[in-house]
Amino acid sequence: MVGELSEYGCDQPFFLARFTPGPGWESVRALFEAWAAFSGPDPDGVRFVALVKPLHDLELTLAPVDGRQPPLQLFKNCMLRIDGSEARLRY
């Protein structure tokens, strides 16, 4: 488990959530931090793809924790951007 998301809002097309790291966070932290730091021009999208592809390849899945049913249900291969304790999710 990489961490937990607690949804608090929506900024279409993204769900906004608080992120709490889990036991698997350290193994993927550098990938998410690199994407969170991404800014500036990228006219052909090469930098974006180089940052997002390794995250997509993880095939992360949202799943309920401790038997709770999350409002977002279950999605696979989401686009999840984590920046500190804030997360933006697009499916």
Protein backbone atom coordinates (compact mmCIF):
# COMPACT_ATOMS: atom_id res chain seq x y z
CA MET A 1 0.00 0.00 0.00
CA VAL A 2 1.49 3.28 -1.16
CA GLY A 3 -0.82 5.39 1.00
CA GLU A 4 -4.35 6.55 1.72
CA LEU A 5 -6.39 9.21 -0.04
CA SER A 6 -9.17 11.15 1.67
CA GLU A 7 -11.25 12.96 -0.92
CA TYR A 8 -12.27 16.52 -0.03
CA GLY A 9 -13.27 18.13 -3.30
CA CYS A 10 -13.26 18.25 -7.06
CA ASP A 11 -11.59 20.49 -9.61
CA GLN A 12 -12.71 18.91 -12.88
CA PRO A 13 -11.29 16.69 -14.19
CA PHE A 14 -9.49 15.97 -10.90
CA PHE A 15 -10.62 14.70 -7.52
CA LEU A 16 -8.77 16.50 -4.72
CA ALA A 17 -7.56 14.47 -1.75
CA ARG A 18 -5.34 14.50 1.28
CA PHE A 19 -2.55 11.94 1.08
CA THR A 20 -1.25 9.91 4.00
CA PRO A 21 1.84 7.82 3.19
CA GLY A 22 1.67 4.07 3.72
CA PRO A 23 4.32 1.37 4.05
CA GLY A 24 5.03 1.29 0.30
CA TRP A 25 5.50 5.05 -0.09
CA GLU A 26 9.29 5.16 0.12
CA SER A 27 9.66 2.76 -2.82
CA VAL A 28 7.79 5.16 -5.14
CA ARG A 29 8.35 8.51 -3.46
CA ALA A 30 11.06 9.71 -5.87
CA LEU A 31 8.77 9.10 -8.88
CA PHE A 32 5.94 11.17 -7.40
CA GLU A 33 8.27 13.93 -6.21
CA ALA A 34 9.83 14.23 -9.67
CA TRP A 35 6.39 14.68 -11.22
CA ALA A 36 5.33 17.15 -8.51
CA ALA A 37 8.40 19.25 -9.33
CA PHE A 38 7.64 19.23 -13.08
CA SER A 39 7.01 22.68 -14.51
CA GLY A 40 7.94 24.84 -17.44
CA PRO A 41 7.50 24.42 -21.15
CA ASP A 42 7.28 20.95 -22.63
CA PRO A 43 5.98 21.59 -26.17
CA ASP A 44 6.32 18.04 -27.45
CA GLY A 45 5.38 16.34 -24.14
CA VAL A 46 8.61 14.32 -23.91
CA ARG A 47 9.40 15.44 -20.35
CA PHE A 48 5.84 14.74 -19.23
CA VAL A 49 5.88 11.22 -20.67
CA ALA A 50 9.30 10.50 -19.13
CA LEU A 51 7.90 11.39 -15.69
CA VAL A 52 4.45 9.82 -15.95
CA LYS A 53 5.22 6.54 -17.74
CA PRO A 54 7.08 4.96 -14.78
CA LEU A 55 4.12 5.87 -12.55
CA HIS A 56 1.63 4.45 -15.02
CA ASP A 57 3.70 1.27 -15.26
CA LEU A 58 3.17 0.72 -11.53
CA GLU A 59 -0.50 -0.05 -12.34
CA LEU A 60 -1.67 1.42 -9.05
CA THR A 61 -5.20 0.59 -7.95
CA LEU A 62 -7.48 2.46 -5.56
CA ALA A 63 -8.99 0.07 -3.06
CA PRO A 64 -10.97 0.33 0.17
CA VAL A 65 -8.98 0.31 3.42
CA ASP A 66 -10.10 -1.56 6.55
CA GLY A 67 -13.38 -2.58 4.96
CA ARG A 68 -14.46 1.01 4.33
CA GLN A 69 -15.96 1.76 0.95
CA PRO A 70 -14.32 4.89 -0.50
CA PRO A 71 -16.49 7.39 -2.35
CA LEU A 72 -14.30 6.91 -5.42
CA GLN A 73 -15.00 3.16 -5.52
CA LEU A 74 -12.31 1.25 -7.42
CA PHE A 75 -10.29 2.54 -10.35
CA LYS A 76 -7.23 1.09 -12.07
CA ASN A 77 -4.43 2.94 -13.83
CA CYS A 78 -5.44 6.32 -12.47
CA MET A 79 -3.40 9.42 -13.02
CA LEU A 80 -2.37 10.37 -9.50
CA ARG A 81 -0.21 13.35 -8.68
CA ILE A 82 1.01 13.59 -5.10
CA ASP A 83 2.69 16.73 -3.79
CA GLY A 84 3.41 16.43 -0.08
CA SER A 85 0.12 15.81 1.68
CA GLU A 86 -2.03 16.88 -1.29
CA ALA A 87 -3.11 14.63 -4.15
CA ARG A 88 -4.94 15.12 -7.43
CA LEU A 89 -6.58 12.07 -8.99
CA ARG A 90 -7.84 11.70 -12.52
CA TYR A 91 -9.25 8.45 -13.83
